[in-house]
Amino acid sequence: RPNEVTYSSLINTFARANQPDKAAEMFQLMQQQGIRPDEVACNSLINAFARANQPDRATEVFQLMQQQGIRPDEVACNSLINAFARTNQPDKAAEMFQLMQ
């Protein structure tokens, strides 16, 4: 039976393949199976959206982490900074940098 490691690996695989919708599908399936996403799964999904130049969707996952009591780490923050940089949103990138301090 798949566990959080299995789902995180699949999410990361789809992120690397630039298939953010498939990564999101795995994330949703994970939750439907009663498995609470961990930091790795969330970071992988944030990265999937960041790579696909979808910072709004990446931000939603970041906020979900916070709502579920998962403290976003440097990986999550750096992915969001990169997403904002790629989409020409330097002010939002700077805001994320400030949150890290």
C-alpha atoms as a PDB file:
ATOM      1  CA  ARG A   1       0.000   0.000   0.000  1.00  0.00           C
ATOM      2  CA  PRO A   2       1.424   3.427  -0.945  1.00  0.00           C
ATOM      3  CA  ASN A   3       2.560   5.677   1.912  1.00  0.00           C
ATOM      4  CA  GLU A   4       3.682   9.309   2.148  1.00  0.00           C
ATOM      5  CA  VAL A   5       7.125   8.405   0.773  1.00  0.00           C
ATOM      6  CA  THR A   6       5.578   6.742  -2.282  1.00  0.00           C
ATOM      7  CA  TYR A   7       3.311   9.698  -2.987  1.00  0.00           C
ATOM      8  CA  SER A   8       6.106  12.222  -2.401  1.00  0.00           C
ATOM      9  CA  SER A   9       8.277  10.348  -4.886  1.00  0.00           C
ATOM     10  CA  LEU A  10       5.531  10.399  -7.496  1.00  0.00           C
ATOM     11  CA  ILE A  11       4.815  14.092  -6.907  1.00  0.00           C
ATOM     12  CA  ASN A  12       8.522  14.834  -7.300  1.00  0.00           C
ATOM     13  CA  THR A  13       8.697  12.709 -10.458  1.00  0.00           C
ATOM     14  CA  PHE A  14       5.871  14.671 -12.058  1.00  0.00           C
ATOM     15  CA  ALA A  15       7.448  17.943 -10.893  1.00  0.00           C
ATOM     16  CA  ARG A  16      10.707  17.063 -12.647  1.00  0.00           C
ATOM     17  CA  ALA A  17       8.788  16.068 -15.769  1.00  0.00           C
ATOM     18  CA  ASN A  18       7.091  19.493 -15.794  1.00  0.00           C
ATOM     19  CA  GLN A  19       3.667  17.943 -15.222  1.00  0.00           C
ATOM     20  CA  PRO A  20       2.270  20.028 -12.352  1.00  0.00           C
ATOM     21  CA  ASP A  21      -1.319  18.890 -12.883  1.00  0.00           C
ATOM     22  CA  LYS A  22      -0.273  15.247 -12.474  1.00  0.00           C
ATOM     23  CA  ALA A  23       1.715  16.195  -9.375  1.00  0.00           C
ATOM     24  CA  ALA A  24      -1.373  17.925  -7.956  1.00  0.00           C
ATOM     25  CA  GLU A  25      -3.468  14.875  -8.800  1.00  0.00           C
ATOM     26  CA  MET A  26      -1.104  12.657  -6.778  1.00  0.00           C
ATOM     27  CA  PHE A  27      -1.196  15.154  -3.912  1.00  0.00           C
ATOM     28  CA  GLN A  28      -4.986  15.081  -3.911  1.00  0.00           C
ATOM     29  CA  LEU A  29      -5.084  11.285  -4.156  1.00  0.00           C
ATOM     30  CA  MET A  30      -2.713  11.095  -1.215  1.00  0.00           C
ATOM     31  CA  GLN A  31      -5.145  13.097   0.895  1.00  0.00           C
ATOM     32  CA  GLN A  32      -8.141  11.073  -0.320  1.00  0.00           C
ATOM     33  CA  GLN A  33      -6.348   7.938   0.858  1.00  0.00           C
ATOM     34  CA  GLY A  34      -6.153   9.453   4.346  1.00  0.00           C
ATOM     35  CA  ILE A  35      -2.453  10.206   4.177  1.00  0.00           C
ATOM     36  CA  ARG A  36      -1.575  13.632   5.498  1.00  0.00           C
ATOM     37  CA  PRO A  37       0.940  15.365   3.250  1.00  0.00           C
ATOM     38  CA  ASP A  38       4.271  15.976   4.902  1.00  0.00           C
ATOM     39  CA  GLU A  39       6.896  18.625   4.289  1.00  0.00           C
ATOM     40  CA  VAL A  40       8.473  16.648   1.443  1.00  0.00           C
ATOM     41  CA  ALA A  41       5.193  16.179  -0.439  1.00  0.00           C
ATOM     42  CA  CYS A  42       4.312  19.855  -0.055  1.00  0.00           C
ATOM     43  CA  ASN A  43       7.777  20.996  -1.127  1.00  0.00           C
ATOM     44  CA  SER A  44       7.607  18.746  -4.174  1.00  0.00           C
ATOM     45  CA  LEU A  45       4.252  20.193  -5.200  1.00  0.00           C
ATOM     46  CA  ILE A  46       5.430  23.765  -4.621  1.00  0.00           C
ATOM     47  CA  ASN A  47       8.420  22.961  -6.815  1.00  0.00           C
ATOM     48  CA  ALA A  48       6.154  21.502  -9.513  1.00  0.00           C
ATOM     49  CA  PHE A  49       4.169  24.718  -9.690  1.00  0.00           C
ATOM     50  CA  ALA A  50       7.297  26.877  -9.466  1.00  0.00           C
ATOM     51  CA  ARG A  51       8.900  25.055 -12.403  1.00  0.00           C
ATOM     52  CA  ALA A  52       5.698  25.536 -14.414  1.00  0.00           C
ATOM     53  CA  ASN A  53       5.639  29.290 -13.716  1.00  0.00           C
ATOM     54  CA  GLN A  54       2.494  28.994 -11.601  1.00  0.00           C
ATOM     55  CA  PRO A  55       3.385  30.965  -8.463  1.00  0.00           C
ATOM     56  CA  ASP A  56      -0.247  31.406  -7.415  1.00  0.00           C
ATOM     57  CA  ARG A  57      -0.737  27.651  -7.166  1.00  0.00           C
ATOM     58  CA  ALA A  58       2.627  27.294  -5.412  1.00  0.00           C
ATOM     59  CA  THR A  59       1.519  29.940  -2.906  1.00  0.00           C
ATOM     60  CA  GLU A  60      -1.701  28.003  -2.237  1.00  0.00           C
ATOM     61  CA  VAL A  61       0.333  24.941  -1.264  1.00  0.00           C
ATOM     62  CA  PHE A  62       2.599  27.100   0.901  1.00  0.00           C
ATOM     63  CA  GLN A  63      -0.471  28.432   2.717  1.00  0.00           C
ATOM     64  CA  LEU A  64      -1.871  24.907   3.073  1.00  0.00           C
ATOM     65  CA  MET A  65       1.367  23.854   4.765  1.00  0.00           C
ATOM     66  CA  GLN A  66       0.985  26.643   7.285  1.00  0.00           C
ATOM     67  CA  GLN A  67      -2.692  25.835   7.899  1.00  0.00           C
ATOM     68  CA  GLN A  68      -1.820  22.204   8.582  1.00  0.00           C
ATOM     69  CA  GLY A  69       0.904  23.141  11.041  1.00  0.00           C
ATOM     70  CA  ILE A  70       3.784  22.268   8.735  1.00  0.00           C
ATOM     71  CA  ARG A  71       6.483  24.892   9.038  1.00  0.00           C
ATOM     72  CA  PRO A  72       7.709  25.791   5.546  1.00  0.00           C
ATOM     73  CA  ASP A  73      11.454  25.316   5.313  1.00  0.00           C
ATOM     74  CA  GLU A  74      14.123  26.860   3.098  1.00  0.00           C
ATOM     75  CA  VAL A  75      13.234  24.511   0.235  1.00  0.00           C
ATOM     76  CA  ALA A  76       9.637  25.771   0.113  1.00  0.00           C
ATOM     77  CA  CYS A  77      10.674  29.405   0.449  1.00  0.00           C
ATOM     78  CA  ASN A  78      13.415  29.142  -2.184  1.00  0.00           C
ATOM     79  CA  SER A  79      11.032  27.457  -4.614  1.00  0.00           C
ATOM     80  CA  LEU A  80       8.556  30.291  -4.175  1.00  0.00           C
ATOM     81  CA  ILE A  81      11.266  32.914  -4.597  1.00  0.00           C
ATOM     82  CA  ASN A  82      12.283  31.209  -7.843  1.00  0.00           C
ATOM     83  CA  ALA A  83       8.664  31.068  -9.002  1.00  0.00           C
ATOM     84  CA  PHE A  84       8.219  34.777  -8.383  1.00  0.00           C
ATOM     85  CA  ALA A  85      11.529  35.551 -10.082  1.00  0.00           C
ATOM     86  CA  ARG A  86      10.595  33.514 -13.162  1.00  0.00           C
ATOM     87  CA  THR A  87       7.288  35.350 -13.481  1.00  0.00           C
ATOM     88  CA  ASN A  88       8.779  38.825 -13.022  1.00  0.00           C
ATOM     89  CA  GLN A  89       7.362  39.438  -9.545  1.00  0.00           C
ATOM     90  CA  PRO A  90      10.387  40.767  -7.645  1.00  0.00           C
ATOM     91  CA  ASP A  91       8.290  42.378  -4.894  1.00  0.00           C
ATOM     92  CA  LYS A  92       6.740  39.034  -3.986  1.00  0.00           C
ATOM     93  CA  ALA A  93      10.160  37.378  -4.109  1.00  0.00           C
ATOM     94  CA  ALA A  94      11.434  40.019  -1.682  1.00  0.00           C
ATOM     95  CA  GLU A  95       8.442  39.441   0.614  1.00  0.00           C
ATOM     96  CA  MET A  96       9.241  35.737   0.733  1.00  0.00           C
ATOM     97  CA  PHE A  97      12.864  36.543   1.509  1.00  0.00           C
ATOM     98  CA  GLN A  98      11.713  38.702   4.425  1.00  0.00           C
ATOM     99  CA  LEU A  99       9.590  35.841   5.768  1.00  0.00           C
ATOM    100  CA  MET A 100      12.681  33.643   5.858  1.00  0.00           C
ATOM    101  CA  GLN A 101      14.513  35.984   8.235  1.00  0.00           C
END
